[in-house]
Amino acid sequence: MRYLLTAAGFTCWAYVYIEMIRVGNREKMCAMPFFALVFNIAWEALYTVEAICHLHAEAFLYLPLLVLDIFILLAHLKYGKCHFPSKAQHLFLFLSGASLAAGIALMLAFYFQFDVRPASHYSSFLRYAFMSLLFVYAFYTRNDIRGQSLGIAIVKCIGTLLLAVQYGYIEMINPFVLICATVSFSADIWYIIALAISKKGEAA
């Protein structure tokens, strides 16, 4: 049951990343909010290296997601400058690199403070909550809904929920994971409803 839920959760996230790449290339934009992308790449890079160095089976889950995230990062580098605030566009590459470095530093803070397993869980579910809130923020601050997909929103919500059940309830009752997952789930539901209403109005 443990591996089934974990594999299903990561499969959902792989689908989300693939759809983000497809939608981003079609609509010429980065489909993931940039700071969510920063923490995703930082987390996946750190724990992919950790899993490979210690010959853990999780490497087979983390490595494909890291590769897909790199493709999303390439979309950001290709299309993201025009979505940066006008005052910061001349610093686009510097700020992108600095943000990525900051994301890695924050992931390392969890890694060095806790044992590897709780560090990965705490930092992972915190980034899930952060990402969900950033999608809601993007919905209300962007001029249109380009790059935003109901399929991505729904599968992302399901993937996070499956992993929350596994790591926050089945393995042990983990209040940190459950609270972060509740924030993420609530924001996801809000985002799904708001996006569905918006797409329905746009279609009409």
N, C-alpha and C. Protein backbone atom coordinates (compact mmCIF):
# COMPACT_ATOMS: atom_id res chain seq x y z
N MET A 1 0.84 -1.21 0.00
CA MET A 1 0.00 0.00 0.00
C MET A 1 0.87 1.25 0.00
N ARG A 2 1.97 1.21 0.80
CA ARG A 2 2.85 2.36 0.90
C ARG A 2 3.41 2.74 -0.46
N TYR A 3 3.97 1.75 -1.15
CA TYR A 3 4.60 2.05 -2.43
C TYR A 3 3.58 2.39 -3.49
N LEU A 4 2.36 1.83 -3.37
CA LEU A 4 1.31 2.11 -4.33
C LEU A 4 0.91 3.59 -4.27
N LEU A 5 0.68 4.10 -3.06
CA LEU A 5 0.29 5.50 -2.91
C LEU A 5 1.42 6.44 -3.33
N THR A 6 2.64 6.08 -2.94
CA THR A 6 3.78 6.93 -3.31
C THR A 6 3.95 6.97 -4.82
N ALA A 7 3.91 5.80 -5.46
CA ALA A 7 4.07 5.74 -6.91
C ALA A 7 2.94 6.49 -7.61
N ALA A 8 1.71 6.34 -7.09
CA ALA A 8 0.57 7.03 -7.69
C ALA A 8 0.71 8.55 -7.55
N GLY A 9 1.16 8.99 -6.37
CA GLY A 9 1.36 10.42 -6.16
C GLY A 9 2.41 11.01 -7.09
N PHE A 10 3.53 10.32 -7.22
CA PHE A 10 4.58 10.83 -8.10
C PHE A 10 4.20 10.71 -9.57
N THR A 11 3.38 9.72 -9.90
CA THR A 11 2.88 9.62 -11.28
C THR A 11 2.00 10.82 -11.61
N CYS A 12 1.16 11.21 -10.65
CA CYS A 12 0.33 12.41 -10.84
C CYS A 12 1.21 13.64 -11.08
N TRP A 13 2.27 13.77 -10.28
CA TRP A 13 3.15 14.92 -10.44
C TRP A 13 3.90 14.88 -11.76
N ALA A 14 4.29 13.68 -12.22
CA ALA A 14 4.94 13.57 -13.52
C ALA A 14 4.00 14.03 -14.63
N TYR A 15 2.72 13.65 -14.52
CA TYR A 15 1.72 14.10 -15.50
C TYR A 15 1.60 15.63 -15.48
N VAL A 16 1.58 16.19 -14.26
CA VAL A 16 1.47 17.64 -14.12
C VAL A 16 2.64 18.33 -14.81
N TYR A 17 3.85 17.84 -14.60
CA TYR A 17 5.03 18.46 -15.21
C TYR A 17 4.99 18.35 -16.73
N ILE A 18 4.61 17.18 -17.22
CA ILE A 18 4.53 16.98 -18.68
C ILE A 18 3.50 17.92 -19.29
N GLU A 19 2.36 18.07 -18.63
CA GLU A 19 1.33 18.98 -19.12
C GLU A 19 1.79 20.43 -19.06
N MET A 20 2.54 20.77 -18.02
CA MET A 20 3.06 22.13 -17.92
C MET A 20 4.03 22.42 -19.06
N ILE A 21 4.85 21.45 -19.41
CA ILE A 21 5.77 21.62 -20.54
C ILE A 21 4.99 21.79 -21.83
N ARG A 22 3.98 20.94 -22.02
CA ARG A 22 3.17 21.00 -23.25
C ARG A 22 2.41 22.31 -23.35
N VAL A 23 1.73 22.68 -22.28
CA VAL A 23 0.95 23.93 -22.28
C VAL A 23 1.88 25.14 -22.40
N GLY A 24 3.01 25.10 -21.73
CA GLY A 24 3.94 26.21 -21.79
C GLY A 24 4.50 26.42 -23.18
N ASN A 25 4.85 25.34 -23.86
CA ASN A 25 5.36 25.46 -25.23
C ASN A 25 4.27 25.93 -26.19
N ARG A 26 3.05 25.48 -25.96
CA ARG A 26 1.94 25.88 -26.83
C ARG A 26 1.59 27.35 -26.67
N GLU A 27 1.61 27.81 -25.43
CA GLU A 27 1.18 29.18 -25.16
C GLU A 27 2.35 30.13 -24.89
N LYS A 28 3.57 29.61 -25.10
CA LYS A 28 4.78 30.42 -25.02
C LYS A 28 4.91 31.14 -23.67
N MET A 29 4.88 30.33 -22.60
CA MET A 29 5.07 30.88 -21.27
C MET A 29 5.44 29.75 -20.32
N CYS A 30 5.90 30.10 -19.15
CA CYS A 30 6.18 29.11 -18.11
C CYS A 30 4.89 28.85 -17.34
N ALA A 31 4.42 27.60 -17.36
CA ALA A 31 3.12 27.29 -16.77
C ALA A 31 3.17 27.16 -15.25
N MET A 32 4.36 27.13 -14.67
CA MET A 32 4.48 27.03 -13.22
C MET A 32 4.95 28.38 -12.67
N PRO A 33 4.32 28.89 -11.61
CA PRO A 33 4.82 30.11 -10.99
C PRO A 33 6.31 29.97 -10.66
N PHE A 34 7.08 31.01 -10.94
CA PHE A 34 8.53 30.86 -10.90
C PHE A 34 9.06 30.43 -9.54
N PHE A 35 8.57 31.04 -8.46
CA PHE A 35 9.12 30.69 -7.15
C PHE A 35 8.74 29.27 -6.73
N ALA A 36 7.62 28.77 -7.21
CA ALA A 36 7.30 27.36 -7.01
C ALA A 36 8.29 26.49 -7.76
N LEU A 37 8.63 26.90 -8.98
CA LEU A 37 9.61 26.18 -9.78
C LEU A 37 10.98 26.15 -9.08
N VAL A 38 11.36 27.27 -8.48
CA VAL A 38 12.63 27.37 -7.76
C VAL A 38 12.72 26.31 -6.67
N PHE A 39 11.68 26.22 -5.84
CA PHE A 39 11.71 25.26 -4.73
C PHE A 39 11.59 23.83 -5.23
N ASN A 40 10.85 23.62 -6.32
CA ASN A 40 10.75 22.28 -6.89
C ASN A 40 12.11 21.78 -7.36
N ILE A 41 12.80 22.59 -8.15
CA ILE A 41 14.10 22.17 -8.67
C ILE A 41 15.09 21.98 -7.52
N ALA A 42 15.09 22.88 -6.56
CA ALA A 42 16.01 22.77 -5.43
C ALA A 42 15.77 21.47 -4.66
N TRP A 43 14.50 21.19 -4.37
CA TRP A 43 14.17 19.97 -3.62
C TRP A 43 14.54 18.72 -4.42
N GLU A 44 14.14 18.67 -5.67
CA GLU A 44 14.37 17.47 -6.46
C GLU A 44 15.86 17.25 -6.74
N ALA A 45 16.61 18.32 -6.94
CA ALA A 45 18.05 18.17 -7.16
C ALA A 45 18.72 17.61 -5.90
N LEU A 46 18.37 18.18 -4.75
CA LEU A 46 19.00 17.76 -3.49
C LEU A 46 18.70 16.29 -3.18
N TYR A 47 17.43 15.92 -3.26
CA TYR A 47 17.07 14.56 -2.83
C TYR A 47 17.29 13.51 -3.91
N THR A 48 17.43 13.94 -5.16
CA THR A 48 17.88 13.01 -6.19
C THR A 48 19.34 12.63 -5.95
N VAL A 49 20.17 13.62 -5.69
CA VAL A 49 21.58 13.36 -5.39
C VAL A 49 21.71 12.50 -4.14
N GLU A 50 20.92 12.84 -3.11
CA GLU A 50 20.94 12.06 -1.87
C GLU A 50 20.55 10.60 -2.12
N ALA A 51 19.50 10.38 -2.90
CA ALA A 51 19.03 9.02 -3.16
C ALA A 51 20.04 8.24 -4.01
N ILE A 52 20.63 8.89 -5.00
CA ILE A 52 21.62 8.22 -5.85
C ILE A 52 22.87 7.85 -5.03
N CYS A 53 23.33 8.78 -4.21
CA CYS A 53 24.55 8.53 -3.42
C CYS A 53 24.36 7.37 -2.44
N HIS A 54 23.14 7.21 -1.93
CA HIS A 54 22.88 6.15 -0.96
C HIS A 54 22.12 4.97 -1.57
N LEU A 55 22.04 4.96 -2.91
CA LEU A 55 21.43 3.85 -3.65
C LEU A 55 20.01 3.55 -3.19
N HIS A 56 19.23 4.61 -2.96
CA HIS A 56 17.84 4.46 -2.56
C HIS A 56 16.94 4.36 -3.79
N ALA A 57 15.88 3.58 -3.67
CA ALA A 57 14.96 3.37 -4.80
C ALA A 57 14.25 4.66 -5.19
N GLU A 58 14.16 5.63 -4.24
CA GLU A 58 13.48 6.89 -4.53
C GLU A 58 14.11 7.64 -5.70
N ALA A 59 15.37 7.33 -6.00
CA ALA A 59 16.04 8.01 -7.12
C ALA A 59 15.28 7.80 -8.42
N PHE A 60 14.63 6.64 -8.56
CA PHE A 60 13.87 6.36 -9.78
C PHE A 60 12.60 7.21 -9.86
N LEU A 61 12.15 7.77 -8.72
CA LEU A 61 11.00 8.66 -8.72
C LEU A 61 11.44 10.12 -8.88
N TYR A 62 12.53 10.48 -8.18
CA TYR A 62 12.95 11.87 -8.15
C TYR A 62 13.62 12.32 -9.45
N LEU A 63 14.45 11.46 -10.02
CA LEU A 63 15.24 11.86 -11.20
C LEU A 63 14.37 12.25 -12.39
N PRO A 64 13.33 11.47 -12.76
CA PRO A 64 12.48 11.90 -13.88
C PRO A 64 11.80 13.25 -13.62
N LEU A 65 11.39 13.50 -12.37
CA LEU A 65 10.76 14.77 -12.05
C LEU A 65 11.76 15.92 -12.17
N LEU A 66 12.99 15.68 -11.77
CA LEU A 66 14.02 16.71 -11.89
C LEU A 66 14.26 17.06 -13.36
N VAL A 67 14.33 16.04 -14.21
CA VAL A 67 14.54 16.27 -15.64
C VAL A 67 13.38 17.08 -16.23
N LEU A 68 12.15 16.71 -15.86
CA LEU A 68 10.98 17.45 -16.36
C LEU A 68 10.98 18.89 -15.86
N ASP A 69 11.38 19.07 -14.60
CA ASP A 69 11.44 20.42 -14.04
C ASP A 69 12.47 21.29 -14.77
N ILE A 70 13.55 20.68 -15.21
CA ILE A 70 14.55 21.43 -15.97
C ILE A 70 13.96 21.94 -17.28
N PHE A 71 13.11 21.14 -17.91
CA PHE A 71 12.44 21.60 -19.13
C PHE A 71 11.49 22.77 -18.83
N ILE A 72 10.83 22.72 -17.67
CA ILE A 72 9.98 23.85 -17.27
C ILE A 72 10.83 25.09 -17.02
N LEU A 73 12.01 24.90 -16.41
CA LEU A 73 12.92 26.02 -16.20
C LEU A 73 13.36 26.63 -17.53
N LEU A 74 13.60 25.78 -18.52
CA LEU A 74 13.98 26.29 -19.84
C LEU A 74 12.86 27.16 -20.44
N ALA A 75 11.60 26.76 -20.18
CA ALA A 75 10.47 27.58 -20.64
C ALA A 75 10.48 28.92 -19.93
N HIS A 76 10.82 28.91 -18.64
CA HIS A 76 10.91 30.18 -17.90
C HIS A 76 11.99 31.08 -18.51
N LEU A 77 13.15 30.49 -18.79
CA LEU A 77 14.25 31.28 -19.34
C LEU A 77 13.91 31.79 -20.74
N LYS A 78 13.12 31.02 -21.48
CA LYS A 78 12.77 31.40 -22.85
C LYS A 78 11.65 32.43 -22.90
N TYR A 79 10.64 32.25 -22.05
CA TYR A 79 9.44 33.09 -22.16
C TYR A 79 9.18 33.98 -20.95
N GLY A 80 9.93 33.78 -19.86
CA GLY A 80 9.55 34.42 -18.59
C GLY A 80 9.88 35.88 -18.45
N LYS A 81 10.80 36.37 -19.26
CA LYS A 81 11.25 37.76 -19.07
C LYS A 81 10.11 38.75 -19.21
N CYS A 82 9.21 38.50 -20.17
CA CYS A 82 8.12 39.46 -20.41
C CYS A 82 7.11 39.46 -19.26
N HIS A 83 7.13 38.43 -18.41
CA HIS A 83 6.21 38.38 -17.28
C HIS A 83 6.85 38.93 -16.01
N PHE A 84 8.13 39.29 -16.07
CA PHE A 84 8.79 39.92 -14.94
C PHE A 84 8.32 41.36 -14.82
N PRO A 85 8.32 41.93 -13.61
CA PRO A 85 8.02 43.36 -13.48
C PRO A 85 8.95 44.17 -14.37
N SER A 86 8.44 45.21 -14.98
CA SER A 86 9.23 45.99 -15.94
C SER A 86 10.52 46.53 -15.33
N LYS A 87 10.48 46.89 -14.04
CA LYS A 87 11.68 47.43 -13.38
C LYS A 87 12.77 46.39 -13.21
N ALA A 88 12.40 45.10 -13.28
CA ALA A 88 13.37 44.04 -13.02
C ALA A 88 13.77 43.27 -14.26
N GLN A 89 13.23 43.63 -15.42
CA GLN A 89 13.49 42.82 -16.61
C GLN A 89 14.96 42.83 -17.01
N HIS A 90 15.66 43.92 -16.77
CA HIS A 90 17.08 43.96 -17.13
C HIS A 90 17.92 43.08 -16.20
N LEU A 91 17.33 42.65 -15.08
CA LEU A 91 18.01 41.77 -14.13
C LEU A 91 17.44 40.35 -14.18
N PHE A 92 16.74 40.03 -15.25
CA PHE A 92 16.01 38.77 -15.34
C PHE A 92 16.89 37.56 -15.04
N LEU A 93 18.01 37.43 -15.72
CA LEU A 93 18.87 36.26 -15.54
C LEU A 93 19.50 36.25 -14.14
N PHE A 94 19.94 37.41 -13.68
CA PHE A 94 20.54 37.49 -12.34
C PHE A 94 19.54 37.10 -11.27
N LEU A 95 18.33 37.67 -11.34
CA LEU A 95 17.33 37.37 -10.32
C LEU A 95 16.86 35.92 -10.38
N SER A 96 16.80 35.37 -11.58
CA SER A 96 16.43 33.95 -11.72
C SER A 96 17.49 33.08 -11.06
N GLY A 97 18.77 33.36 -11.33
CA GLY A 97 19.84 32.58 -10.72
C GLY A 97 19.91 32.77 -9.22
N ALA A 98 19.73 34.00 -8.75
CA ALA A 98 19.77 34.28 -7.32
C ALA A 98 18.61 33.58 -6.60
N SER A 99 17.44 33.57 -7.21
CA SER A 99 16.29 32.90 -6.61
C SER A 99 16.52 31.40 -6.51
N LEU A 100 17.11 30.82 -7.54
CA LEU A 100 17.41 29.39 -7.51
C LEU A 100 18.43 29.07 -6.41
N ALA A 101 19.43 29.92 -6.27
CA ALA A 101 20.43 29.72 -5.22
C ALA A 101 19.78 29.83 -3.84
N ALA A 102 18.85 30.78 -3.68
CA ALA A 102 18.15 30.94 -2.41
C ALA A 102 17.29 29.71 -2.11
N GLY A 103 16.62 29.18 -3.14
CA GLY A 103 15.82 27.98 -2.96
C GLY A 103 16.65 26.80 -2.51
N ILE A 104 17.81 26.63 -3.12
CA ILE A 104 18.71 25.54 -2.72
C ILE A 104 19.17 25.73 -1.28
N ALA A 105 19.50 26.97 -0.91
CA ALA A 105 19.94 27.25 0.47
C ALA A 105 18.86 26.89 1.48
N LEU A 106 17.61 27.24 1.16
CA LEU A 106 16.51 26.94 2.10
C LEU A 106 16.26 25.44 2.20
N MET A 107 16.37 24.72 1.09
CA MET A 107 16.23 23.26 1.15
C MET A 107 17.36 22.64 1.98
N LEU A 108 18.57 23.19 1.84
CA LEU A 108 19.70 22.71 2.63
C LEU A 108 19.50 22.97 4.12
N ALA A 109 18.79 24.06 4.45
CA ALA A 109 18.52 24.35 5.86
C ALA A 109 17.72 23.21 6.49
N PHE A 110 16.71 22.72 5.79
CA PHE A 110 15.95 21.56 6.29
C PHE A 110 16.85 20.32 6.35
N TYR A 111 17.65 20.14 5.30
CA TYR A 111 18.48 18.94 5.18
C TYR A 111 19.48 18.83 6.33
N PHE A 112 20.09 19.95 6.72
CA PHE A 112 21.10 19.92 7.77
C PHE A 112 20.48 19.98 9.18
N GLN A 113 19.25 20.46 9.27
CA GLN A 113 18.62 20.59 10.59
C GLN A 113 17.98 19.28 11.05
N PHE A 114 17.44 18.50 10.11
CA PHE A 114 16.70 17.28 10.45
C PHE A 114 17.38 16.06 9.83
N ASP A 115 16.96 14.89 10.27
CA ASP A 115 17.35 13.67 9.57
C ASP A 115 16.78 13.71 8.16
N VAL A 116 17.36 12.90 7.27
CA VAL A 116 17.02 13.00 5.85
C VAL A 116 15.53 12.81 5.59
N ARG A 117 14.93 11.79 6.18
CA ARG A 117 13.52 11.51 5.86
C ARG A 117 12.59 12.62 6.32
N PRO A 118 12.64 13.04 7.60
CA PRO A 118 11.76 14.16 7.99
C PRO A 118 12.11 15.45 7.25
N ALA A 119 13.36 15.67 6.95
CA ALA A 119 13.75 16.89 6.20
C ALA A 119 13.08 16.90 4.83
N SER A 120 13.08 15.75 4.16
CA SER A 120 12.47 15.68 2.83
C SER A 120 10.96 15.87 2.91
N HIS A 121 10.33 15.30 3.95
CA HIS A 121 8.88 15.42 4.09
C HIS A 121 8.48 16.86 4.43
N TYR A 122 9.17 17.45 5.40
CA TYR A 122 8.80 18.79 5.84
C TYR A 122 8.98 19.80 4.71
N SER A 123 10.14 19.77 4.06
CA SER A 123 10.40 20.72 2.99
C SER A 123 9.50 20.46 1.78
N SER A 124 9.18 19.19 1.53
CA SER A 124 8.34 18.86 0.38
C SER A 124 6.92 19.39 0.55
N PHE A 125 6.33 19.14 1.71
CA PHE A 125 4.94 19.57 1.89
C PHE A 125 4.82 21.08 2.09
N LEU A 126 5.89 21.69 2.59
CA LEU A 126 5.88 23.15 2.66
C LEU A 126 5.88 23.73 1.24
N ARG A 127 6.66 23.13 0.33
CA ARG A 127 6.67 23.64 -1.05
C ARG A 127 5.35 23.35 -1.75
N TYR A 128 4.68 22.24 -1.43
CA TYR A 128 3.36 21.98 -2.01
C TYR A 128 2.37 23.08 -1.62
N ALA A 129 2.37 23.43 -0.33
CA ALA A 129 1.47 24.48 0.14
C ALA A 129 1.81 25.81 -0.52
N PHE A 130 3.09 26.11 -0.59
CA PHE A 130 3.56 27.35 -1.20
C PHE A 130 3.16 27.41 -2.67
N MET A 131 3.33 26.29 -3.38
CA MET A 131 2.99 26.25 -4.81
C MET A 131 1.50 26.48 -5.01
N SER A 132 0.66 25.83 -4.22
CA SER A 132 -0.78 25.98 -4.38
C SER A 132 -1.21 27.42 -4.17
N LEU A 133 -0.63 28.07 -3.17
CA LEU A 133 -0.95 29.48 -2.92
C LEU A 133 -0.47 30.36 -4.07
N LEU A 134 0.67 30.01 -4.66
CA LEU A 134 1.18 30.80 -5.78
C LEU A 134 0.31 30.65 -7.03
N PHE A 135 -0.29 29.48 -7.22
CA PHE A 135 -1.21 29.33 -8.35
C PHE A 135 -2.44 30.21 -8.16
N VAL A 136 -2.94 30.29 -6.94
CA VAL A 136 -4.07 31.17 -6.67
C VAL A 136 -3.66 32.62 -6.92
N TYR A 137 -2.47 32.99 -6.45
CA TYR A 137 -1.96 34.35 -6.67
C TYR A 137 -1.82 34.65 -8.15
N ALA A 138 -1.30 33.68 -8.91
CA ALA A 138 -1.12 33.88 -10.36
C ALA A 138 -2.47 34.07 -11.05
N PHE A 139 -3.47 33.34 -10.60
CA PHE A 139 -4.79 33.44 -11.22
C PHE A 139 -5.34 34.86 -11.09
N TYR A 140 -5.14 35.47 -9.94
CA TYR A 140 -5.72 36.79 -9.70
C TYR A 140 -4.82 37.95 -10.16
N THR A 141 -3.56 37.69 -10.44
CA THR A 141 -2.67 38.80 -10.80
C THR A 141 -2.29 38.82 -12.28
N ARG A 142 -2.42 37.70 -12.98
CA ARG A 142 -2.10 37.70 -14.41
C ARG A 142 -3.25 38.33 -15.19
N ASN A 143 -2.91 38.84 -16.35
CA ASN A 143 -3.92 39.51 -17.18
C ASN A 143 -4.89 38.54 -17.84
N ASP A 144 -4.48 37.28 -17.96
CA ASP A 144 -5.34 36.27 -18.58
C ASP A 144 -5.05 34.92 -17.94
N ILE A 145 -5.68 33.86 -18.45
CA ILE A 145 -5.49 32.53 -17.86
C ILE A 145 -4.63 31.63 -18.76
N ARG A 146 -3.82 32.26 -19.62
CA ARG A 146 -2.89 31.46 -20.42
C ARG A 146 -1.95 30.69 -19.51
N GLY A 147 -1.68 29.44 -19.92
CA GLY A 147 -0.78 28.61 -19.14
C GLY A 147 -1.43 27.93 -17.94
N GLN A 148 -2.70 28.19 -17.72
CA GLN A 148 -3.41 27.61 -16.58
C GLN A 148 -4.43 26.60 -17.08
N SER A 149 -4.37 25.41 -16.53
CA SER A 149 -5.17 24.30 -17.02
C SER A 149 -5.89 23.61 -15.88
N LEU A 150 -7.17 23.30 -16.10
CA LEU A 150 -7.93 22.56 -15.09
C LEU A 150 -7.34 21.17 -14.86
N GLY A 151 -6.89 20.54 -15.95
CA GLY A 151 -6.29 19.21 -15.81
C GLY A 151 -5.08 19.25 -14.90
N ILE A 152 -4.21 20.23 -15.09
CA ILE A 152 -3.04 20.37 -14.23
C ILE A 152 -3.47 20.60 -12.79
N ALA A 153 -4.42 21.49 -12.58
CA ALA A 153 -4.86 21.82 -11.22
C ALA A 153 -5.45 20.61 -10.50
N ILE A 154 -6.28 19.85 -11.18
CA ILE A 154 -6.94 18.71 -10.55
C ILE A 154 -5.95 17.60 -10.24
N VAL A 155 -5.10 17.25 -11.20
CA VAL A 155 -4.15 16.15 -10.98
C VAL A 155 -3.11 16.53 -9.93
N LYS A 156 -2.70 17.81 -9.92
CA LYS A 156 -1.77 18.29 -8.88
C LYS A 156 -2.38 18.12 -7.50
N CYS A 157 -3.65 18.46 -7.38
CA CYS A 157 -4.36 18.31 -6.10
C CYS A 157 -4.41 16.85 -5.67
N ILE A 158 -4.72 15.96 -6.60
CA ILE A 158 -4.81 14.53 -6.29
C ILE A 158 -3.44 13.98 -5.88
N GLY A 159 -2.40 14.37 -6.64
CA GLY A 159 -1.06 13.88 -6.33
C GLY A 159 -0.61 14.27 -4.94
N THR A 160 -0.83 15.53 -4.56
CA THR A 160 -0.46 15.99 -3.23
C THR A 160 -1.27 15.28 -2.16
N LEU A 161 -2.54 15.06 -2.42
CA LEU A 161 -3.41 14.39 -1.44
C LEU A 161 -2.97 12.95 -1.20
N LEU A 162 -2.61 12.24 -2.26
CA LEU A 162 -2.14 10.86 -2.11
C LEU A 162 -0.87 10.80 -1.26
N LEU A 163 0.06 11.69 -1.53
CA LEU A 163 1.31 11.70 -0.76
C LEU A 163 1.07 12.13 0.69
N ALA A 164 0.10 13.03 0.90
CA ALA A 164 -0.23 13.45 2.27
C ALA A 164 -0.82 12.31 3.08
N VAL A 165 -1.67 11.52 2.45
CA VAL A 165 -2.24 10.36 3.15
C VAL A 165 -1.14 9.38 3.53
N GLN A 166 -0.18 9.17 2.61
CA GLN A 166 0.91 8.24 2.87
C GLN A 166 1.81 8.73 4.00
N TYR A 167 2.33 9.96 3.85
CA TYR A 167 3.36 10.43 4.77
C TYR A 167 2.82 11.15 6.00
N GLY A 168 1.57 11.59 5.93
CA GLY A 168 1.01 12.31 7.06
C GLY A 168 0.06 11.49 7.90
N TYR A 169 -0.36 10.32 7.39
CA TYR A 169 -1.33 9.52 8.14
C TYR A 169 -0.94 8.05 8.24
N ILE A 170 -0.66 7.40 7.10
CA ILE A 170 -0.39 5.95 7.13
C ILE A 170 0.92 5.63 7.82
N GLU A 171 2.02 6.30 7.42
CA GLU A 171 3.31 6.02 8.04
C GLU A 171 3.32 6.42 9.50
N MET A 172 2.79 7.59 9.79
CA MET A 172 2.63 8.09 11.15
C MET A 172 1.78 9.35 11.09
N ILE A 173 1.13 9.67 12.19
CA ILE A 173 0.37 10.92 12.24
C ILE A 173 1.37 12.06 12.36
N ASN A 174 1.48 12.83 11.27
CA ASN A 174 2.47 13.91 11.22
C ASN A 174 1.74 15.24 11.08
N PRO A 175 1.61 16.00 12.18
CA PRO A 175 0.85 17.26 12.13
C PRO A 175 1.40 18.25 11.11
N PHE A 176 2.72 18.34 10.98
CA PHE A 176 3.30 19.28 10.02
C PHE A 176 2.84 18.96 8.61
N VAL A 177 2.96 17.69 8.22
CA VAL A 177 2.54 17.27 6.88
C VAL A 177 1.05 17.50 6.68
N LEU A 178 0.25 17.16 7.67
CA LEU A 178 -1.21 17.29 7.54
C LEU A 178 -1.63 18.75 7.45
N ILE A 179 -1.00 19.62 8.23
CA ILE A 179 -1.36 21.04 8.18
C ILE A 179 -0.97 21.64 6.83
N CYS A 180 0.25 21.36 6.37
CA CYS A 180 0.69 21.87 5.06
C CYS A 180 -0.20 21.31 3.95
N ALA A 181 -0.55 20.02 4.05
CA ALA A 181 -1.40 19.40 3.03
C ALA A 181 -2.79 20.01 3.03
N THR A 182 -3.30 20.37 4.22
CA THR A 182 -4.61 21.00 4.31
C THR A 182 -4.59 22.38 3.65
N VAL A 183 -3.53 23.13 3.89
CA VAL A 183 -3.38 24.45 3.23
C VAL A 183 -3.32 24.27 1.72
N SER A 184 -2.51 23.30 1.28
CA SER A 184 -2.37 23.04 -0.15
C SER A 184 -3.70 22.61 -0.77
N PHE A 185 -4.40 21.68 -0.12
CA PHE A 185 -5.67 21.18 -0.64
C PHE A 185 -6.71 22.29 -0.71
N SER A 186 -6.78 23.11 0.32
CA SER A 186 -7.76 24.21 0.35
C SER A 186 -7.49 25.20 -0.78
N ALA A 187 -6.21 25.56 -0.96
CA ALA A 187 -5.86 26.48 -2.04
C ALA A 187 -6.14 25.85 -3.40
N ASP A 188 -5.86 24.55 -3.52
CA ASP A 188 -6.12 23.85 -4.80
C ASP A 188 -7.60 23.87 -5.15
N ILE A 189 -8.45 23.59 -4.17
CA ILE A 189 -9.89 23.58 -4.43
C ILE A 189 -10.37 24.98 -4.83
N TRP A 190 -9.87 25.99 -4.13
CA TRP A 190 -10.22 27.38 -4.47
C TRP A 190 -9.81 27.67 -5.91
N TYR A 191 -8.59 27.29 -6.24
CA TYR A 191 -8.04 27.55 -7.58
C TYR A 191 -8.84 26.81 -8.66
N ILE A 192 -9.16 25.56 -8.40
CA ILE A 192 -9.92 24.76 -9.38
C ILE A 192 -11.29 25.39 -9.65
N ILE A 193 -11.98 25.79 -8.58
CA ILE A 193 -13.30 26.40 -8.73
C ILE A 193 -13.20 27.73 -9.48
N ALA A 194 -12.24 28.57 -9.07
CA ALA A 194 -12.08 29.89 -9.71
C ALA A 194 -11.71 29.72 -11.18
N LEU A 195 -10.83 28.77 -11.49
CA LEU A 195 -10.40 28.57 -12.87
C LEU A 195 -11.53 28.00 -13.71
N ALA A 196 -12.31 27.08 -13.13
CA ALA A 196 -13.45 26.51 -13.87
C ALA A 196 -14.49 27.57 -14.20
N ILE A 197 -14.78 28.45 -13.23
CA ILE A 197 -15.74 29.52 -13.47
C ILE A 197 -15.22 30.47 -14.55
N SER A 198 -13.93 30.78 -14.47
CA SER A 198 -13.33 31.68 -15.44
C SER A 198 -13.35 31.09 -16.85
N LYS A 199 -13.01 29.82 -16.97
CA LYS A 199 -13.01 29.17 -18.29
C LYS A 199 -14.42 29.03 -18.85
N LYS A 200 -15.38 28.80 -17.95
CA LYS A 200 -16.77 28.71 -18.39
C LYS A 200 -17.25 30.05 -18.93
N GLY A 201 -16.90 31.13 -18.21
CA GLY A 201 -17.26 32.47 -18.66
C GLY A 201 -16.57 32.83 -19.98
N GLU A 202 -15.30 32.41 -20.12
CA GLU A 202 -14.56 32.70 -21.34
C GLU A 202 -15.16 31.96 -22.54
N ALA A 203 -15.60 30.71 -22.29
CA ALA A 203 -16.21 29.92 -23.36
C ALA A 203 -17.56 30.52 -23.78
N ALA A 204 -18.30 31.03 -22.80
CA ALA A 204 -19.61 31.63 -23.11
C ALA A 204 -19.43 32.92 -23.90
